[in-house]
Amino acid sequence: MEDLLGTTLILLVACSLAAVSAAALRVPTLLGYLAVGVVLGPSVSGVVAPGETLDFLSELGVALLRVR
């Protein structure tokens, strides 16, 4: 995997900031998460590029959704 720890930390920090910003603006947190995905995704800045790391993180996210 390219840089699993670095990618995970970038996403966690960005999503945390987006959640706080969304709460301050009184909009749903999901909009903040979507904005982070757009900004950090491969189409705009390319911080999170498609590959093995992104596949692993997406599978982990689906597994965590199923636990709930």
N, C-alpha and C. Protein backbone atom coordinates (compact mmCIF):
# COMPACT_ATOMS: atom_id res chain seq x y z
N MET A 1 0.85 -1.18 0.00
CA MET A 1 0.00 0.00 0.00
C MET A 1 0.89 1.24 0.00
N GLU A 2 0.47 2.22 -0.77
CA GLU A 2 1.31 3.39 -0.97
C GLU A 2 1.69 4.05 0.36
N ASP A 3 0.74 4.66 1.00
CA ASP A 3 0.99 5.31 2.28
C ASP A 3 -0.31 5.31 3.07
N LEU A 4 -0.64 4.16 3.62
CA LEU A 4 -1.92 3.98 4.29
C LEU A 4 -2.07 4.91 5.48
N LEU A 5 -1.05 5.01 6.29
CA LEU A 5 -1.13 5.85 7.49
C LEU A 5 -1.29 7.33 7.12
N GLY A 6 -0.51 7.79 6.17
CA GLY A 6 -0.59 9.19 5.76
C GLY A 6 -1.94 9.54 5.16
N THR A 7 -2.43 8.68 4.29
CA THR A 7 -3.73 8.91 3.66
C THR A 7 -4.84 8.91 4.70
N THR A 8 -4.77 7.96 5.64
CA THR A 8 -5.78 7.87 6.69
C THR A 8 -5.78 9.12 7.56
N LEU A 9 -4.60 9.58 7.93
CA LEU A 9 -4.51 10.79 8.76
C LEU A 9 -5.02 12.02 8.04
N ILE A 10 -4.70 12.15 6.77
CA ILE A 10 -5.19 13.29 5.99
C ILE A 10 -6.71 13.27 5.93
N LEU A 11 -7.29 12.10 5.67
CA LEU A 11 -8.75 12.00 5.59
C LEU A 11 -9.40 12.26 6.94
N LEU A 12 -8.83 11.74 8.02
CA LEU A 12 -9.40 11.97 9.34
C LEU A 12 -9.39 13.44 9.74
N VAL A 13 -8.27 14.09 9.49
CA VAL A 13 -8.18 15.52 9.83
C VAL A 13 -9.13 16.34 8.97
N ALA A 14 -9.16 16.06 7.68
CA ALA A 14 -10.04 16.82 6.78
C ALA A 14 -11.51 16.60 7.13
N CYS A 15 -11.88 15.37 7.42
CA CYS A 15 -13.28 15.08 7.77
C CYS A 15 -13.66 15.68 9.12
N SER A 16 -12.73 15.70 10.04
CA SER A 16 -12.99 16.33 11.35
C SER A 16 -13.23 17.82 11.18
N LEU A 17 -12.39 18.47 10.40
CA LEU A 17 -12.57 19.90 10.14
C LEU A 17 -13.87 20.17 9.39
N ALA A 18 -14.21 19.29 8.48
CA ALA A 18 -15.46 19.45 7.73
C ALA A 18 -16.67 19.29 8.64
N ALA A 19 -16.60 18.35 9.58
CA ALA A 19 -17.72 18.14 10.50
C ALA A 19 -17.91 19.34 11.41
N VAL A 20 -16.82 19.90 11.90
CA VAL A 20 -16.90 21.09 12.76
C VAL A 20 -17.43 22.28 11.96
N SER A 21 -16.95 22.45 10.75
CA SER A 21 -17.42 23.55 9.90
C SER A 21 -18.90 23.40 9.55
N ALA A 22 -19.31 22.18 9.26
CA ALA A 22 -20.71 21.95 8.93
C ALA A 22 -21.61 22.23 10.12
N ALA A 23 -21.16 21.84 11.30
CA ALA A 23 -21.95 22.11 12.51
C ALA A 23 -22.05 23.62 12.76
N ALA A 24 -20.96 24.34 12.52
CA ALA A 24 -20.98 25.79 12.71
C ALA A 24 -21.91 26.48 11.71
N LEU A 25 -22.00 25.93 10.51
CA LEU A 25 -22.86 26.50 9.48
C LEU A 25 -24.29 25.96 9.54
N ARG A 26 -24.51 25.01 10.45
CA ARG A 26 -25.82 24.39 10.64
C ARG A 26 -26.32 23.70 9.37
N VAL A 27 -25.43 22.97 8.74
CA VAL A 27 -25.79 22.13 7.60
C VAL A 27 -25.45 20.69 7.97
N PRO A 28 -26.05 19.72 7.30
CA PRO A 28 -25.76 18.33 7.62
C PRO A 28 -24.27 18.00 7.45
N THR A 29 -23.76 17.17 8.34
CA THR A 29 -22.35 16.79 8.31
C THR A 29 -22.00 16.08 7.02
N LEU A 30 -22.95 15.37 6.46
CA LEU A 30 -22.70 14.64 5.22
C LEU A 30 -22.25 15.58 4.10
N LEU A 31 -22.77 16.79 4.08
CA LEU A 31 -22.33 17.76 3.06
C LEU A 31 -20.85 18.11 3.23
N GLY A 32 -20.41 18.20 4.47
CA GLY A 32 -18.99 18.45 4.72
C GLY A 32 -18.13 17.30 4.24
N TYR A 33 -18.59 16.07 4.50
CA TYR A 33 -17.84 14.89 4.06
C TYR A 33 -17.79 14.82 2.53
N LEU A 34 -18.89 15.15 1.88
CA LEU A 34 -18.90 15.15 0.42
C LEU A 34 -17.94 16.21 -0.14
N ALA A 35 -17.91 17.36 0.51
CA ALA A 35 -16.99 18.42 0.07
C ALA A 35 -15.54 17.97 0.21
N VAL A 36 -15.22 17.27 1.30
CA VAL A 36 -13.86 16.75 1.47
C VAL A 36 -13.53 15.76 0.37
N GLY A 37 -14.49 14.90 0.04
CA GLY A 37 -14.26 13.93 -1.03
C GLY A 37 -14.01 14.59 -2.37
N VAL A 38 -14.72 15.66 -2.63
CA VAL A 38 -14.55 16.38 -3.90
C VAL A 38 -13.18 17.06 -3.93
N VAL A 39 -12.82 17.73 -2.84
CA VAL A 39 -11.57 18.49 -2.82
C VAL A 39 -10.35 17.58 -2.81
N LEU A 40 -10.38 16.50 -2.03
CA LEU A 40 -9.20 15.63 -1.91
C LEU A 40 -9.17 14.51 -2.94
N GLY A 41 -10.24 14.34 -3.68
CA GLY A 41 -10.32 13.26 -4.66
C GLY A 41 -9.41 13.46 -5.85
N PRO A 42 -9.36 12.45 -6.70
CA PRO A 42 -8.43 12.51 -7.84
C PRO A 42 -8.81 13.55 -8.89
N SER A 43 -10.05 14.02 -8.91
CA SER A 43 -10.47 14.97 -9.93
C SER A 43 -9.95 16.38 -9.67
N VAL A 44 -9.83 16.78 -8.40
CA VAL A 44 -9.44 18.15 -8.10
C VAL A 44 -7.98 18.24 -7.69
N SER A 45 -7.64 17.75 -6.49
CA SER A 45 -6.27 17.90 -6.01
C SER A 45 -5.45 16.62 -6.13
N GLY A 46 -6.10 15.48 -6.12
CA GLY A 46 -5.39 14.22 -6.26
C GLY A 46 -4.64 13.78 -5.02
N VAL A 47 -4.99 14.33 -3.85
CA VAL A 47 -4.34 13.91 -2.61
C VAL A 47 -4.61 12.43 -2.36
N VAL A 48 -5.84 12.01 -2.57
CA VAL A 48 -6.21 10.61 -2.44
C VAL A 48 -6.43 10.06 -3.84
N ALA A 49 -5.48 9.28 -4.32
CA ALA A 49 -5.54 8.75 -5.68
C ALA A 49 -6.08 7.32 -5.66
N PRO A 50 -6.73 6.92 -6.73
CA PRO A 50 -7.20 5.54 -6.81
C PRO A 50 -6.01 4.58 -6.72
N GLY A 51 -6.24 3.49 -6.05
CA GLY A 51 -5.18 2.50 -5.91
C GLY A 51 -5.48 1.56 -4.76
N GLU A 52 -4.47 0.86 -4.35
CA GLU A 52 -4.62 -0.15 -3.30
C GLU A 52 -5.04 0.45 -1.96
N THR A 53 -4.50 1.60 -1.61
CA THR A 53 -4.84 2.24 -0.34
C THR A 53 -6.30 2.66 -0.31
N LEU A 54 -6.76 3.28 -1.36
CA LEU A 54 -8.15 3.72 -1.42
C LEU A 54 -9.11 2.53 -1.41
N ASP A 55 -8.73 1.45 -2.09
CA ASP A 55 -9.55 0.24 -2.06
C ASP A 55 -9.67 -0.31 -0.65
N PHE A 56 -8.55 -0.35 0.07
CA PHE A 56 -8.56 -0.86 1.44
C PHE A 56 -9.42 0.01 2.34
N LEU A 57 -9.26 1.33 2.24
CA LEU A 57 -10.03 2.23 3.10
C LEU A 57 -11.53 2.17 2.79
N SER A 58 -11.88 2.00 1.53
CA SER A 58 -13.30 1.90 1.19
C SER A 58 -13.89 0.59 1.69
N GLU A 59 -13.15 -0.51 1.61
CA GLU A 59 -13.63 -1.78 2.15
C GLU A 59 -13.75 -1.72 3.66
N LEU A 60 -12.82 -1.05 4.31
CA LEU A 60 -12.89 -0.89 5.76
C LEU A 60 -14.12 -0.07 6.15
N GLY A 61 -14.40 0.97 5.40
CA GLY A 61 -15.59 1.79 5.67
C GLY A 61 -16.87 1.01 5.54
N VAL A 62 -16.96 0.17 4.54
CA VAL A 62 -18.16 -0.67 4.36
C VAL A 62 -18.28 -1.67 5.50
N ALA A 63 -17.17 -2.24 5.92
CA ALA A 63 -17.20 -3.20 7.03
C ALA A 63 -17.64 -2.52 8.32
N LEU A 64 -17.18 -1.30 8.54
CA LEU A 64 -17.58 -0.57 9.76
C LEU A 64 -19.05 -0.17 9.71
N LEU A 65 -19.58 0.11 8.54
CA LEU A 65 -21.01 0.40 8.42
C LEU A 65 -21.86 -0.81 8.77
N ARG A 66 -21.39 -1.98 8.41
CA ARG A 66 -22.14 -3.21 8.67
C ARG A 66 -22.10 -3.58 10.15
N VAL A 67 -21.10 -3.15 10.89
CA VAL A 67 -21.00 -3.47 12.32
C VAL A 67 -22.11 -2.80 13.08
N ARG A 68 -22.47 -1.65 12.67
CA ARG A 68 -23.50 -0.87 13.36
C ARG A 68 -24.80 -1.51 13.18
